[in-house]
Protein backbone atom coordinates (compact mmCIF):
# COMPACT_ATOMS: atom_id res chain seq x y z
CA UNK A 1 -34.43 93.05 -39.87
CA UNK A 2 -38.19 92.52 -40.02
CA UNK A 3 -38.72 89.05 -38.54
CA UNK A 4 -41.48 88.45 -41.09
CA UNK A 5 -39.02 89.00 -43.93
CA UNK A 6 -36.62 86.15 -44.71
CA UNK A 7 -33.15 86.68 -46.11
CA UNK A 8 -32.80 85.28 -49.58
CA UNK A 9 -30.15 82.55 -49.75
CA UNK A 10 -27.63 80.94 -47.40
CA UNK A 11 -24.49 78.98 -48.18
CA UNK A 12 -24.22 76.55 -45.26
CA UNK A 13 -21.35 74.29 -44.20
CA UNK A 14 -21.72 71.29 -41.90
CA UNK A 15 -19.43 68.94 -40.01
CA UNK A 16 -19.52 66.81 -36.87
CA UNK A 17 -17.52 65.88 -33.82
CA UNK A 18 -17.90 62.62 -31.93
CA UNK A 19 -19.14 60.42 -34.78
CA UNK A 20 -19.28 56.77 -33.73
CA UNK A 21 -22.09 55.63 -36.02
CA UNK A 22 -24.51 53.24 -34.33
CA UNK A 23 -22.26 52.81 -31.29
CA UNK A 24 -23.80 55.31 -28.88
CA UNK A 25 -22.19 53.63 -25.86
CA UNK A 26 -18.67 54.53 -26.96
CA UNK A 27 -16.61 55.04 -23.79
CA UNK A 28 -14.45 57.95 -25.00
CA UNK A 29 -16.89 59.72 -27.31
CA UNK A 30 -19.79 60.67 -25.05
CA UNK A 31 -21.00 63.77 -26.93
CA UNK A 32 -22.09 64.08 -30.56
CA UNK A 33 -22.07 67.57 -32.03
CA UNK A 34 -23.12 68.65 -35.51
CA UNK A 35 -22.31 72.23 -36.43
CA UNK A 36 -23.50 74.48 -39.24
CA UNK A 37 -21.96 77.73 -40.46
CA UNK A 38 -23.40 80.35 -42.81
CA UNK A 39 -20.50 81.67 -44.88
CA UNK A 40 -19.68 82.27 -48.58
CA UNK A 41 -16.87 80.14 -50.00
CA UNK A 42 -14.40 82.95 -50.59
CA UNK A 43 -14.80 84.32 -47.06
CA UNK A 44 -14.34 80.84 -45.60
CA UNK A 45 -11.19 80.22 -47.64
CA UNK A 46 -9.66 83.56 -46.63
CA UNK A 47 -10.31 82.95 -42.96
CA UNK A 48 -9.02 79.36 -43.00
CA UNK A 49 -5.80 80.54 -44.65
CA UNK A 50 -5.49 83.30 -42.05
CA UNK A 51 -5.90 80.83 -39.15
CA UNK A 52 -3.41 78.37 -40.67
CA UNK A 53 -0.79 81.10 -41.08
CA UNK A 54 -1.35 82.76 -37.71
CA UNK A 55 -1.28 79.57 -35.65
CA UNK A 56 1.20 77.66 -37.85
CA UNK A 57 -1.19 74.76 -38.41
CA UNK A 58 0.45 71.85 -40.19
CA UNK A 59 -0.96 69.90 -43.17
CA UNK A 60 -2.83 72.97 -44.38
CA UNK A 61 -6.19 71.95 -42.88
CA UNK A 62 -8.12 72.87 -39.76
CA UNK A 63 -9.11 69.82 -37.69
CA UNK A 64 -10.96 70.66 -34.49
CA UNK A 65 -10.10 67.39 -32.75
CA UNK A 66 -6.38 67.99 -33.15
CA UNK A 67 -6.48 71.69 -32.31
CA UNK A 68 -8.32 71.11 -29.03
CA UNK A 69 -5.46 69.02 -27.67
CA UNK A 70 -3.23 72.06 -27.08
CA UNK A 71 -3.45 75.63 -25.85
CA UNK A 72 -2.42 77.22 -29.14
CA UNK A 73 -5.01 75.14 -30.97
CA UNK A 74 -7.73 76.19 -28.53
CA UNK A 75 -6.84 79.80 -29.19
CA UNK A 76 -7.22 79.16 -32.91
CA UNK A 77 -10.62 77.53 -32.42
CA UNK A 78 -11.74 80.38 -30.17
CA UNK A 79 -10.81 82.94 -32.82
CA UNK A 80 -12.97 81.05 -35.30
CA UNK A 81 -15.90 81.00 -32.88
CA UNK A 82 -15.61 84.68 -31.99
CA UNK A 83 -15.27 85.75 -35.64
CA UNK A 84 -18.41 83.86 -36.71
CA UNK A 85 -20.47 84.46 -33.58
CA UNK A 86 -24.15 84.65 -34.53
CA UNK A 87 -23.57 82.90 -37.86
CA UNK A 88 -23.49 79.30 -36.72
CA UNK A 89 -25.96 76.89 -35.17
CA UNK A 90 -25.12 73.67 -33.35
CA UNK A 91 -26.96 70.46 -32.48
CA UNK A 92 -25.51 68.63 -29.48
CA UNK A 93 -26.47 65.21 -28.09
CA UNK A 94 -25.56 63.22 -25.03
CA UNK A 95 -25.18 59.84 -26.72
CA UNK A 96 -26.46 57.74 -23.83
CA UNK A 97 -29.59 59.87 -23.64
CA UNK A 98 -29.97 59.74 -27.43
CA UNK A 99 -29.86 55.95 -27.19
CA UNK A 100 -32.53 56.05 -24.49
CA UNK A 101 -34.68 58.17 -26.83
CA UNK A 102 -34.16 55.70 -29.66
CA UNK A 103 -35.24 52.93 -27.29
CA UNK A 104 -38.58 54.66 -26.79
CA UNK A 105 -38.91 55.33 -30.52
CA UNK A 106 -38.36 51.73 -31.59
CA UNK A 107 -39.53 49.67 -28.59
CA UNK A 108 -42.46 51.68 -27.20
CA UNK A 109 -43.82 53.65 -30.11
CA UNK A 110 -44.69 50.76 -32.50
CA UNK A 111 -47.18 49.43 -29.95
CA UNK A 112 -48.86 52.81 -29.39
CA UNK A 113 -48.37 54.32 -32.85
CA UNK A 114 -52.05 54.96 -33.65
CA UNK A 115 -52.39 57.32 -30.65
CA UNK A 116 -48.75 58.31 -30.10
CA UNK A 117 -49.53 62.04 -29.95
CA UNK A 118 -51.37 61.45 -26.66
CA UNK A 119 -48.20 60.06 -25.10
CA UNK A 120 -45.91 62.73 -26.55
CA UNK A 121 -48.15 65.54 -25.36
CA UNK A 122 -47.89 64.37 -21.74
CA UNK A 123 -44.08 63.89 -22.05
CA UNK A 124 -44.30 60.16 -21.52
CA UNK A 125 -41.42 59.72 -23.98
CA UNK A 126 -39.22 62.02 -21.89
CA UNK A 127 -40.18 60.19 -18.72
CA UNK A 128 -39.09 56.86 -20.21
CA UNK A 129 -35.94 58.26 -21.82
CA UNK A 130 -34.76 59.92 -18.63
CA UNK A 131 -35.42 56.78 -16.58
CA UNK A 132 -33.41 54.74 -19.05
CA UNK A 133 -30.59 57.29 -18.99
CA UNK A 134 -30.41 57.06 -15.20
CA UNK A 135 -30.38 53.26 -15.37
CA UNK A 136 -27.73 53.26 -18.06
CA UNK A 137 -25.58 55.78 -16.22
CA UNK A 138 -25.64 54.60 -12.61
CA UNK A 139 -26.87 51.02 -12.37
CA UNK A 140 -25.12 47.74 -12.94
CA UNK A 141 -24.65 45.20 -15.68
CA UNK A 142 -28.34 44.52 -16.35
CA UNK A 143 -29.06 47.99 -17.72
CA UNK A 144 -25.84 47.98 -19.77
CA UNK A 145 -26.67 44.56 -21.19
CA UNK A 146 -30.16 45.65 -22.22
CA UNK A 147 -28.80 48.62 -24.12
CA UNK A 148 -26.02 46.60 -25.74
CA UNK A 149 -28.66 44.13 -26.93
CA UNK A 150 -30.77 47.01 -28.23
CA UNK A 151 -27.81 48.40 -30.16
CA UNK A 152 -27.12 44.96 -31.61
CA UNK A 153 -30.77 44.60 -32.62
CA UNK A 154 -30.79 47.97 -34.38
CA UNK A 155 -27.49 47.36 -36.16
CA UNK A 156 -28.31 43.89 -37.44
CA UNK A 157 -32.10 43.55 -37.39
CA UNK A 158 -31.52 40.07 -35.97
CA UNK A 159 -33.60 39.11 -32.93
CA UNK A 160 -31.87 35.76 -32.52
CA UNK A 161 -29.53 35.54 -29.56
CA UNK A 162 -30.75 38.63 -27.78
CA UNK A 163 -30.19 37.77 -24.15
CA UNK A 164 -31.62 40.57 -22.05
CA UNK A 165 -34.00 42.72 -24.07
CA UNK A 166 -36.64 40.09 -24.86
CA UNK A 167 -35.81 37.53 -22.21
CA UNK A 168 -38.34 36.56 -19.55
CA UNK A 169 -35.57 35.93 -17.02
CA UNK A 170 -34.76 38.80 -14.68
CA UNK A 171 -31.54 39.76 -13.01
CA UNK A 172 -31.90 39.83 -9.22
CA UNK A 173 -30.69 43.43 -9.10
CA UNK A 174 -33.13 44.87 -11.64
CA UNK A 175 -35.06 47.93 -10.45
CA UNK A 176 -38.88 47.78 -10.42
CA UNK A 177 -39.24 50.47 -13.08
CA UNK A 178 -36.70 48.84 -15.39
CA UNK A 179 -38.56 45.56 -14.91
CA UNK A 180 -41.78 47.26 -16.08
CA UNK A 181 -39.97 48.57 -19.17
CA UNK A 182 -38.57 45.09 -19.86
CA UNK A 183 -42.03 43.56 -19.44
CA UNK A 184 -43.37 46.03 -22.00
CA UNK A 185 -40.58 45.14 -24.45
CA UNK A 186 -40.98 41.40 -23.97
CA UNK A 187 -44.74 41.35 -24.49
CA UNK A 188 -44.72 43.76 -27.45
CA UNK A 189 -41.95 42.04 -29.38
CA UNK A 190 -44.22 41.43 -32.38
CA UNK A 191 -44.83 45.17 -32.83
CA UNK A 192 -41.08 45.84 -32.80
CA UNK A 193 -40.39 43.04 -35.27
CA UNK A 194 -43.03 44.41 -37.63
CA UNK A 195 -41.63 47.94 -37.34
CA UNK A 196 -38.07 46.83 -38.13
CA UNK A 197 -38.84 44.21 -40.76
CA UNK A 198 -36.61 44.83 -43.77
CA UNK A 199 -35.22 48.06 -42.34
CA UNK A 200 -32.67 47.68 -39.54
CA UNK A 201 -29.34 46.41 -40.77
CA UNK A 202 -30.14 47.07 -44.44
CA UNK A 203 -28.98 50.07 -46.50
CA UNK A 204 -29.70 53.25 -44.60
CA UNK A 205 -31.06 51.06 -41.80
CA UNK A 206 -27.46 50.21 -40.91
CA UNK A 207 -27.29 53.73 -39.49
CA UNK A 208 -30.63 53.77 -37.68
CA UNK A 209 -29.01 54.78 -34.38
CA UNK A 210 -26.64 57.31 -35.92
CA UNK A 211 -27.46 60.93 -35.10
CA UNK A 212 -26.10 62.62 -38.26
CA UNK A 213 -29.27 62.75 -40.37
CA UNK A 214 -31.50 63.88 -37.51
CA UNK A 215 -29.09 66.64 -36.49
CA UNK A 216 -28.63 67.87 -40.06
CA UNK A 217 -32.38 67.91 -40.69
CA UNK A 218 -33.03 69.87 -37.49
CA UNK A 219 -30.32 72.41 -38.32
CA UNK A 220 -31.61 72.92 -41.86
CA UNK A 221 -35.14 73.40 -40.50
CA UNK A 222 -33.85 76.10 -38.15
CA UNK A 223 -31.94 77.87 -40.92
CA UNK A 224 -35.08 77.65 -43.05
CA UNK A 225 -36.78 80.01 -40.60
CA UNK A 226 -34.27 82.72 -41.54
CA UNK A 227 -33.62 82.14 -45.27
CA UNK A 228 -35.83 81.59 -48.31
CA UNK A 229 -33.44 79.01 -49.75
CA UNK A 230 -30.46 76.98 -48.56
CA UNK A 231 -27.45 75.33 -50.17
CA UNK A 232 -25.77 72.74 -47.94
CA UNK A 233 -22.15 71.53 -48.06
CA UNK A 234 -21.54 68.56 -45.76
CA UNK A 235 -18.40 66.63 -44.99
CA UNK A 236 -18.56 63.23 -46.64
CA UNK A 237 -20.47 60.79 -44.43
CA UNK A 238 -21.61 57.19 -44.86
CA UNK A 239 -24.99 57.79 -43.20
CA UNK A 240 -25.66 60.78 -45.45
CA UNK A 241 -24.47 59.03 -48.61
CA UNK A 242 -26.90 56.14 -48.00
CA UNK A 243 -29.97 58.17 -47.02
CA UNK A 244 -30.82 61.46 -48.71
CA UNK A 245 -34.51 60.94 -49.46
CA UNK A 246 -35.69 63.05 -46.51
CA UNK A 247 -33.54 65.92 -47.81
CA UNK A 248 -34.37 65.55 -51.49
CA UNK A 249 -38.08 66.09 -50.82
CA UNK A 250 -37.15 69.55 -49.53
CA UNK A 251 -35.65 70.72 -52.83
CA UNK A 252 -37.56 73.82 -54.03
CA UNK A 253 -40.07 73.38 -51.21
CA UNK A 254 -41.53 76.74 -50.24
CA UNK A 255 -44.25 75.81 -47.73
CA UNK A 256 -43.64 76.20 -44.00
CA UNK A 257 -44.89 73.36 -41.84
CA UNK A 258 -44.49 72.75 -38.12
CA UNK A 259 -45.05 69.90 -35.72
CA UNK A 260 -46.74 70.62 -32.41
CA UNK A 261 -45.62 68.37 -29.56
CA UNK A 262 -45.94 69.02 -25.82
CA UNK A 263 -46.88 72.64 -26.42
CA UNK A 264 -43.93 73.44 -28.70
CA UNK A 265 -44.01 74.25 -32.43
CA UNK A 266 -40.97 72.96 -34.32
CA UNK A 267 -40.24 73.51 -38.05
CA UNK A 268 -40.23 70.40 -40.24
CA UNK A 269 -39.74 71.91 -43.71
CA UNK A 270 -37.10 74.02 -45.46
CA UNK A 271 -36.21 74.96 -49.03
CA UNK A 272 -33.06 73.40 -50.50
CA UNK A 273 -31.79 74.88 -53.74
CA UNK A 274 -30.19 71.56 -54.75
CA UNK A 275 -29.35 68.13 -53.27
CA UNK A 276 -26.88 67.95 -50.40
CA UNK A 277 -23.30 68.48 -51.51
CA UNK A 278 -21.11 65.81 -49.87
CA UNK A 279 -17.63 67.24 -50.16
CA UNK A 280 -13.98 66.95 -49.19
CA UNK A 281 -13.17 69.42 -46.42
CA UNK A 282 -9.74 70.07 -47.93
CA UNK A 283 -11.50 71.66 -50.89
CA UNK A 284 -14.52 73.29 -49.21
CA UNK A 285 -12.99 75.46 -46.50
CA UNK A 286 -16.26 76.26 -44.73
CA UNK A 287 -16.52 72.62 -43.69
CA UNK A 288 -13.18 72.97 -41.88
CA UNK A 289 -14.58 75.89 -39.90
CA UNK A 290 -17.72 73.89 -39.07
CA UNK A 291 -15.46 71.06 -37.90
CA UNK A 292 -13.70 73.39 -35.47
CA UNK A 293 -17.01 74.74 -34.14
CA UNK A 294 -18.39 71.20 -33.68
CA UNK A 295 -15.26 70.16 -31.81
CA UNK A 296 -15.46 73.21 -29.53
CA UNK A 297 -19.05 72.61 -28.49
CA UNK A 298 -18.53 68.88 -28.00
CA UNK A 299 -15.59 69.83 -25.78
CA UNK A 300 -17.64 72.41 -23.88
CA UNK A 301 -20.57 70.05 -23.32
CA UNK A 302 -18.34 67.41 -21.73
CA UNK A 303 -18.41 68.44 -18.07
CA UNK A 304 -15.04 66.81 -17.49
CA UNK A 305 -13.49 69.76 -19.33
CA UNK A 306 -13.21 72.73 -16.94
CA UNK A 307 -10.58 75.00 -18.50
CA UNK A 308 -11.21 78.62 -19.46
CA UNK A 309 -12.14 77.78 -23.05
CA UNK A 310 -14.69 75.12 -22.03
CA UNK A 311 -16.31 77.64 -19.69
CA UNK A 312 -16.22 80.41 -22.31
CA UNK A 313 -17.86 78.24 -24.97
CA UNK A 314 -20.41 76.86 -22.51
CA UNK A 315 -21.59 80.42 -21.98
CA UNK A 316 -22.49 80.52 -25.71
CA UNK A 317 -24.67 77.41 -25.67
CA UNK A 318 -27.98 79.22 -25.19
CA UNK A 319 -27.34 81.48 -28.19
CA UNK A 320 -26.07 78.86 -30.64
CA UNK A 321 -27.34 75.39 -29.68
CA UNK A 322 -30.70 74.70 -31.30
CA UNK A 323 -33.86 73.47 -29.62
CA UNK A 324 -34.13 69.71 -30.01
CA UNK A 325 -30.57 69.01 -28.97
CA UNK A 326 -30.65 65.84 -26.91
CA UNK A 327 -29.76 66.00 -23.22
CA UNK A 328 -31.32 64.44 -20.15
CA UNK A 329 -33.60 66.57 -18.00
CA UNK A 330 -34.32 64.93 -14.69
CA UNK A 331 -37.20 67.31 -14.01
CA UNK A 332 -39.19 64.71 -15.95
CA UNK A 333 -38.48 62.28 -13.09
CA UNK A 334 -39.45 64.59 -10.23
CA UNK A 335 -42.20 62.64 -8.49
CA UNK A 336 -43.36 65.77 -6.70
CA UNK A 337 -44.89 66.79 -10.05
CA UNK A 338 -48.31 65.51 -11.07
CA UNK A 339 -47.15 64.91 -14.64
CA UNK A 340 -44.38 62.58 -13.46
CA UNK A 341 -46.67 60.71 -11.04
CA UNK A 342 -49.14 60.25 -13.89
CA UNK A 343 -46.46 58.88 -16.21
CA UNK A 344 -45.27 56.46 -13.52
CA UNK A 345 -48.82 55.12 -13.09
CA UNK A 346 -49.22 54.98 -16.88
CA UNK A 347 -46.06 52.90 -17.30
CA UNK A 348 -47.38 50.38 -14.76
CA UNK A 349 -50.72 50.27 -16.60
CA UNK A 350 -49.03 49.67 -19.97
CA UNK A 351 -46.83 46.92 -18.51
CA UNK A 352 -49.89 45.24 -16.92
CA UNK A 353 -51.93 45.51 -20.13
CA UNK A 354 -49.02 44.06 -22.10
CA UNK A 355 -48.69 41.04 -19.77
CA UNK A 356 -52.46 40.43 -19.80
CA UNK A 357 -52.92 40.78 -23.55
CA UNK A 358 -55.15 43.87 -23.22
CA UNK A 359 -55.14 46.62 -25.88
CA UNK A 360 -52.63 49.34 -25.03
CA UNK A 361 -54.53 52.08 -26.79
CA UNK A 362 -58.23 51.36 -26.24
CA UNK A 363 -59.74 54.08 -24.00
CA UNK A 364 -56.20 55.20 -23.07
CA UNK A 365 -57.12 58.90 -23.32
CA UNK A 366 -59.96 58.34 -20.87
CA UNK A 367 -57.66 56.38 -18.57
CA UNK A 368 -55.09 59.20 -18.59
CA UNK A 369 -57.82 61.72 -17.80
CA UNK A 370 -59.04 59.50 -14.97
CA UNK A 371 -55.63 59.14 -13.31
CA UNK A 372 -54.97 62.86 -13.75
CA UNK A 373 -58.10 63.70 -11.77
CA UNK A 374 -57.35 60.99 -9.19
CA UNK A 375 -53.80 62.22 -8.63
CA UNK A 376 -54.96 65.82 -8.26
CA UNK A 377 -57.26 64.70 -5.47
CA UNK A 378 -54.87 62.16 -3.92
CA UNK A 379 -51.21 62.47 -4.99
CA UNK A 380 -48.93 59.48 -4.58
CA UNK A 381 -47.38 59.22 -1.14
CA UNK A 382 -43.63 59.68 -1.53
CA UNK A 383 -41.07 58.12 0.75
CA UNK A 384 -38.68 60.64 2.31
């Protein structure tokens, strides 16, 4: 097919695996996966009925979470994946890393919003997010407490009683870099309060940390690069039922717009034929197939799973998992790289400016240029 020629219309089905709402620190559900499948209704119904008969699935409905508990169920899921290979796209997120990204979005960005593109283009957001993921994953109670307080803040919008996030007291075991991040949060509290005023904890704001809407939007944007128009059938979801405005503005939208961040163009528009259809998966069979696909990729992306099916599905990640899926990349913490050294110096500068009441954004582009030149001439000395 000519890549410049889009196919006309797609019937898309969506479902998730690993939904825990705003609780991204859930101990058992570490991966969130949202899957999409292009398939007409009659084809989906025929294939679901075939799978149910062949594998003797009870209750007349495909549920990925249940099927993945046994060998026969995994075979059923694998048949679904192989049959629809090339016709599905998946968004996958490591929840702890997603939470770290949300931390940057709601704690750092309000204070630098008027020049935020400067920071995104040098991957400062990825530097902070990966640091926080490391802290959250391997360090002690202080890091865990900070993130629990952040989750509480985003769920309720209530700053009262937050113990760690905006406290001036420090745990003896806190790392220097986490202390800088805490200093930034403490001294820029007013920016965060202003950003969240009347939003967190209210209406759609109750789901501000949930990943459903972001994943669905990204998937639709990707499908919009292949099809002129899309019709979306999604499993019923509280986050989606309370916030559809960002999708409704895409109804009958024919323009193609992209965002350019850190050298990468990403689509941000698509053309919906009608509002999202929030449906019962028992009735819309394609959603059952999407549920199985989501479960399979969540299973494959959990490294604790090492059986033949996990390995087989992992080999399909590059083809089917979309750009923008959220996983840590510790290359952004490699201090042998100039970019990472620059971001480390920049974090210290922002923390110092915050403590001293100096503007975070005034002449910041010139400062970044200055430290870039300085580090090229004299890189940081690294301990070995």
